[in-house]
Each structure stands twice: as C-alpha cells, then as structure tokens.
Amino acid sequence: MNLEELWQEYQSALRAFLLKRVADHDDVEDLLQEVLIKTHQGLSDIRAATSVKSWLFQVANRTTINFIDIRQKRML
C-alpha cells in the first residue's frame, strides 16, 4: 500500500480520532499534517499490511499526546 492510498483510506477516521482529543480544528489540521509526515517517514518500516491501521493510529495518538504535553508546559 502506498502513502496516497493509505491516506485516502484513513484520513477521515484520523481526523475524527484527533477531534475527540483536540477541540480546535486548526490544531487538528496541523496534527493531521504531522501524522502524514510521520507516516511518510515510517511507512517502509511496516512489515505486515494488517498492522498498518493500528500503527497509523498509534502514531496519531503519540503525536496528540506530545502536542498536549507541549501545550500544557507552555501554560505553566
């Protein structure tokens, strides 16, 4: 599976996943772009096609956690 196919299949689900965690739509779009970049960088490391979805949502989850941590540290 190439990046374009992967992104076309999962972009909407990823957006919904991120919107549940981050209320600001602009932040969600930024996070989506970051997930896309990380996906592009790591796609060749995925060995089993069945693990792509799980891997992709793990990337989105870690990216969101990092975003929230950074935002909270700025508020201190």
Protein backbone atom coordinates (compact mmCIF):
# COMPACT_ATOMS: atom_id res chain seq x y z
CA MET A 1 0.00 0.00 0.00
CA ASN A 2 1.41 3.39 -0.93
CA LEU A 3 1.07 6.62 1.02
CA GLU A 4 -1.65 8.12 -1.16
CA GLU A 5 -3.88 5.05 -0.87
CA LEU A 6 -3.27 4.82 2.85
CA TRP A 7 -4.05 8.48 3.40
CA GLN A 8 -7.18 8.34 1.27
CA GLU A 9 -8.46 5.37 3.24
CA TYR A 10 -7.74 6.65 6.76
CA GLN A 11 -7.67 10.45 6.67
CA SER A 12 -11.32 10.91 7.69
CA ALA A 13 -11.06 8.40 10.52
CA LEU A 14 -7.84 10.02 11.74
CA ARG A 15 -9.47 13.45 11.68
CA ALA A 16 -12.37 12.16 13.77
CA PHE A 17 -9.92 10.47 16.16
CA LEU A 18 -7.99 13.72 16.61
CA LEU A 19 -11.14 15.83 17.01
CA LYS A 20 -12.14 13.70 20.00
CA ARG A 21 -8.87 14.66 21.69
CA VAL A 22 -8.27 18.23 20.47
CA ALA A 23 -11.14 20.68 20.15
CA ASP A 24 -9.52 23.28 17.87
CA HIS A 25 -9.97 22.44 14.17
CA ASP A 26 -6.80 24.29 13.17
CA ASP A 27 -4.80 22.24 15.67
CA VAL A 28 -6.37 19.07 14.30
CA GLU A 29 -5.31 20.01 10.77
CA ASP A 30 -1.77 20.69 12.00
CA LEU A 31 -1.71 17.34 13.79
CA LEU A 32 -3.03 15.61 10.70
CA GLN A 33 -0.17 17.08 8.67
CA GLU A 34 2.32 15.93 11.28
CA VAL A 35 0.85 12.42 11.21
CA LEU A 36 1.09 12.44 7.40
CA ILE A 37 4.79 13.35 7.58
CA LYS A 38 5.49 10.67 10.18
CA THR A 39 3.56 8.16 8.08
CA HIS A 40 5.63 9.03 5.03
CA GLN A 41 8.83 8.64 7.03
CA GLY A 42 7.87 5.34 8.67
CA LEU A 43 5.76 3.59 6.07
CA SER A 44 8.65 1.49 4.79
CA ASP A 45 9.15 0.07 8.31
CA ILE A 46 5.72 -1.55 8.43
CA ARG A 47 6.13 -5.23 7.67
CA ALA A 48 2.57 -6.61 7.75
CA ALA A 49 -0.20 -4.91 5.83
CA THR A 50 -2.64 -5.89 8.57
CA SER A 51 -0.78 -3.75 11.09
CA VAL A 52 -0.95 -0.53 9.07
CA LYS A 53 -4.15 0.76 10.63
CA SER A 54 -3.00 0.02 14.17
CA TRP A 55 0.39 1.61 13.52
CA LEU A 56 -1.20 4.67 11.97
CA PHE A 57 -3.49 5.30 14.94
CA GLN A 58 -0.61 4.75 17.35
CA VAL A 59 1.30 7.47 15.50
CA ALA A 60 -1.73 9.75 15.74
CA ASN A 61 -2.14 9.03 19.44
CA ARG A 62 1.53 9.68 20.28
CA THR A 63 1.50 12.86 18.18
CA THR A 64 -1.56 14.09 20.06
CA ILE A 65 -0.05 13.28 23.46
CA ASN A 66 3.13 15.17 22.55
CA PHE A 67 1.08 18.12 21.34
CA ILE A 68 -0.94 18.26 24.57
CA ASP A 69 2.20 17.93 26.72
CA ILE A 70 3.92 20.78 24.91
CA ARG A 71 0.83 22.97 25.14
CA GLN A 72 0.48 22.33 28.90
CA LYS A 73 4.16 23.12 29.51
CA ARG A 74 3.75 26.45 27.71
CA MET A 75 0.85 27.34 30.03
CA LEU A 76 2.95 26.83 33.17
